[in-house]
Amino acid sequence: MLEIRPSCENCDKDLAPDATNAMICTYECTFCSYCVTDILNNVCPNCGGGFEKRPVRPKVQLEKHPAQKTRLHKPIVPNKFEVLRKKLEDIAPEKR
């Protein structure tokens, strides 16, 4: 079951459970679409994978299985991330 994290790990922008701009990697690292596209170039700074749109849990199910409330704010370290990004950004996520 997805945790549905409440914010972007990089910029700390709120990402409500029904947000259509929330993106996740295979480990549920959660970022807003702006950070994924304009900063991360579809490279997860934690695992090197790509991102997909986070699904929206139906409201009835959200009542039974609420979204996580704990925020995880870990802004990227630009110099450190730049090495990983340059290595992976030109390789499709399914081929990394």
C-alpha atoms as a PDB file:
ATOM      1  CA  MET A   1       0.000   0.000   0.000  1.00  0.00           C
ATOM      2  CA  LEU A   2       1.386   3.388  -0.984  1.00  0.00           C
ATOM      3  CA  GLU A   3       2.316   5.707   1.875  1.00  0.00           C
ATOM      4  CA  ILE A   4       1.098   8.814   0.016  1.00  0.00           C
ATOM      5  CA  ARG A   5       3.690  11.178   1.445  1.00  0.00           C
ATOM      6  CA  PRO A   6       2.526  14.743   2.112  1.00  0.00           C
ATOM      7  CA  SER A   7       5.254  16.820   0.476  1.00  0.00           C
ATOM      8  CA  CYS A   8       8.032  17.110  -2.076  1.00  0.00           C
ATOM      9  CA  GLU A   9      11.299  15.830  -0.625  1.00  0.00           C
ATOM     10  CA  ASN A  10      13.267  18.541  -2.416  1.00  0.00           C
ATOM     11  CA  CYS A  11      11.273  21.787  -2.154  1.00  0.00           C
ATOM     12  CA  ASP A  12       8.883  20.745   0.645  1.00  0.00           C
ATOM     13  CA  LYS A  13       5.819  21.796  -1.392  1.00  0.00           C
ATOM     14  CA  ASP A  14       2.560  20.377  -0.033  1.00  0.00           C
ATOM     15  CA  LEU A  15       1.288  17.376  -2.007  1.00  0.00           C
ATOM     16  CA  ALA A  16      -2.228  16.556  -0.848  1.00  0.00           C
ATOM     17  CA  PRO A  17      -3.438  12.960  -1.258  1.00  0.00           C
ATOM     18  CA  ASP A  18      -5.375  14.041  -4.360  1.00  0.00           C
ATOM     19  CA  ALA A  19      -2.513  16.086  -5.865  1.00  0.00           C
ATOM     20  CA  THR A  20      -2.130  15.543  -9.578  1.00  0.00           C
ATOM     21  CA  ASN A  21       1.429  16.887  -9.596  1.00  0.00           C
ATOM     22  CA  ALA A  22       2.914  14.304  -7.204  1.00  0.00           C
ATOM     23  CA  MET A  23       5.541  11.976  -8.662  1.00  0.00           C
ATOM     24  CA  ILE A  24       7.050   8.847  -7.086  1.00  0.00           C
ATOM     25  CA  CYS A  25       9.877   6.436  -7.831  1.00  0.00           C
ATOM     26  CA  THR A  26       9.776   2.698  -7.217  1.00  0.00           C
ATOM     27  CA  TYR A  27      10.685   3.266  -3.544  1.00  0.00           C
ATOM     28  CA  GLU A  28       7.997   5.961  -3.145  1.00  0.00           C
ATOM     29  CA  CYS A  29      10.472   8.817  -2.975  1.00  0.00           C
ATOM     30  CA  THR A  30       8.038  11.680  -3.542  1.00  0.00           C
ATOM     31  CA  PHE A  31       8.651  14.887  -5.462  1.00  0.00           C
ATOM     32  CA  CYS A  32       6.502  17.507  -7.163  1.00  0.00           C
ATOM     33  CA  SER A  33       6.363  17.454 -10.951  1.00  0.00           C
ATOM     34  CA  TYR A  34       8.301  20.746 -11.145  1.00  0.00           C
ATOM     35  CA  CYS A  35      11.295  19.292  -9.259  1.00  0.00           C
ATOM     36  CA  VAL A  36      11.164  16.027 -11.251  1.00  0.00           C
ATOM     37  CA  THR A  37      11.127  17.825 -14.597  1.00  0.00           C
ATOM     38  CA  ASP A  38      13.108  21.020 -14.072  1.00  0.00           C
ATOM     39  CA  ILE A  39      15.633  20.046 -11.387  1.00  0.00           C
ATOM     40  CA  LEU A  40      16.004  16.265 -11.255  1.00  0.00           C
ATOM     41  CA  ASN A  41      15.574  15.522 -14.990  1.00  0.00           C
ATOM     42  CA  ASN A  42      13.617  12.364 -14.066  1.00  0.00           C
ATOM     43  CA  VAL A  43      16.498  10.956 -11.994  1.00  0.00           C
ATOM     44  CA  CYS A  44      15.663  10.055  -8.385  1.00  0.00           C
ATOM     45  CA  PRO A  45      18.462  11.446  -6.208  1.00  0.00           C
ATOM     46  CA  ASN A  46      17.989   8.577  -3.753  1.00  0.00           C
ATOM     47  CA  CYS A  47      17.924   5.495  -6.000  1.00  0.00           C
ATOM     48  CA  GLY A  48      18.722   6.685  -9.529  1.00  0.00           C
ATOM     49  CA  GLY A  49      15.372   5.470 -10.877  1.00  0.00           C
ATOM     50  CA  GLY A  50      12.775   7.387 -12.819  1.00  0.00           C
ATOM     51  CA  PHE A  51       9.439   8.784 -11.720  1.00  0.00           C
ATOM     52  CA  GLU A  52       5.782   8.110 -12.455  1.00  0.00           C
ATOM     53  CA  LYS A  53       2.653  10.051 -11.549  1.00  0.00           C
ATOM     54  CA  ARG A  54       1.491   9.064  -8.068  1.00  0.00           C
ATOM     55  CA  PRO A  55      -1.990   7.518  -8.220  1.00  0.00           C
ATOM     56  CA  VAL A  56      -4.813   9.135  -6.280  1.00  0.00           C
ATOM     57  CA  ARG A  57      -6.407   6.929  -3.641  1.00  0.00           C
ATOM     58  CA  PRO A  58     -10.227   7.072  -3.740  1.00  0.00           C
ATOM     59  CA  LYS A  59     -11.694   9.095  -0.867  1.00  0.00           C
ATOM     60  CA  VAL A  60     -13.495   6.076   0.615  1.00  0.00           C
ATOM     61  CA  GLN A  61     -10.223   4.145   0.706  1.00  0.00           C
ATOM     62  CA  LEU A  62      -8.348   7.172   2.032  1.00  0.00           C
ATOM     63  CA  GLU A  63     -10.638   7.139   5.056  1.00  0.00           C
ATOM     64  CA  LYS A  64      -9.709   3.482   5.713  1.00  0.00           C
ATOM     65  CA  HIS A  65      -6.020   3.902   4.802  1.00  0.00           C
ATOM     66  CA  PRO A  66      -5.010   7.527   5.419  1.00  0.00           C
ATOM     67  CA  ALA A  67      -2.057   9.259   3.831  1.00  0.00           C
ATOM     68  CA  GLN A  68       1.175   9.600   5.762  1.00  0.00           C
ATOM     69  CA  LYS A  69       1.510  12.803   7.775  1.00  0.00           C
ATOM     70  CA  THR A  70       5.267  12.819   8.392  1.00  0.00           C
ATOM     71  CA  ARG A  71       7.110  15.140   6.027  1.00  0.00           C
ATOM     72  CA  LEU A  72      10.455  14.111   4.570  1.00  0.00           C
ATOM     73  CA  HIS A  73      12.428  17.172   3.481  1.00  0.00           C
ATOM     74  CA  LYS A  74      15.827  16.251   2.063  1.00  0.00           C
ATOM     75  CA  PRO A  75      16.823  18.912  -0.463  1.00  0.00           C
ATOM     76  CA  ILE A  76      19.323  17.684  -3.004  1.00  0.00           C
ATOM     77  CA  VAL A  77      22.963  18.680  -2.651  1.00  0.00           C
ATOM     78  CA  PRO A  78      23.526  20.178  -6.116  1.00  0.00           C
ATOM     79  CA  ASN A  79      27.190  19.190  -6.591  1.00  0.00           C
ATOM     80  CA  LYS A  80      26.637  15.647  -5.362  1.00  0.00           C
ATOM     81  CA  PHE A  81      23.438  15.144  -7.376  1.00  0.00           C
ATOM     82  CA  GLU A  82      24.954  16.624 -10.556  1.00  0.00           C
ATOM     83  CA  VAL A  83      27.312  13.630 -10.860  1.00  0.00           C
ATOM     84  CA  LEU A  84      24.432  11.120 -10.628  1.00  0.00           C
ATOM     85  CA  ARG A  85      22.164  13.172 -12.898  1.00  0.00           C
ATOM     86  CA  LYS A  86      24.787  13.473 -15.654  1.00  0.00           C
ATOM     87  CA  LYS A  87      25.470   9.743 -15.459  1.00  0.00           C
ATOM     88  CA  LEU A  88      21.792   8.712 -15.770  1.00  0.00           C
ATOM     89  CA  GLU A  89      19.674  11.425 -17.382  1.00  0.00           C
ATOM     90  CA  ASP A  90      20.278  10.241 -20.960  1.00  0.00           C
ATOM     91  CA  ILE A  91      19.422   6.632 -20.119  1.00  0.00           C
ATOM     92  CA  ALA A  92      15.730   5.711 -20.080  1.00  0.00           C
ATOM     93  CA  PRO A  93      14.628   4.729 -16.546  1.00  0.00           C
ATOM     94  CA  GLU A  94      13.735   1.187 -17.675  1.00  0.00           C
ATOM     95  CA  LYS A  95      17.322   0.727 -18.909  1.00  0.00           C
ATOM     96  CA  ARG A  96      19.213   2.144 -15.932  1.00  0.00           C
END
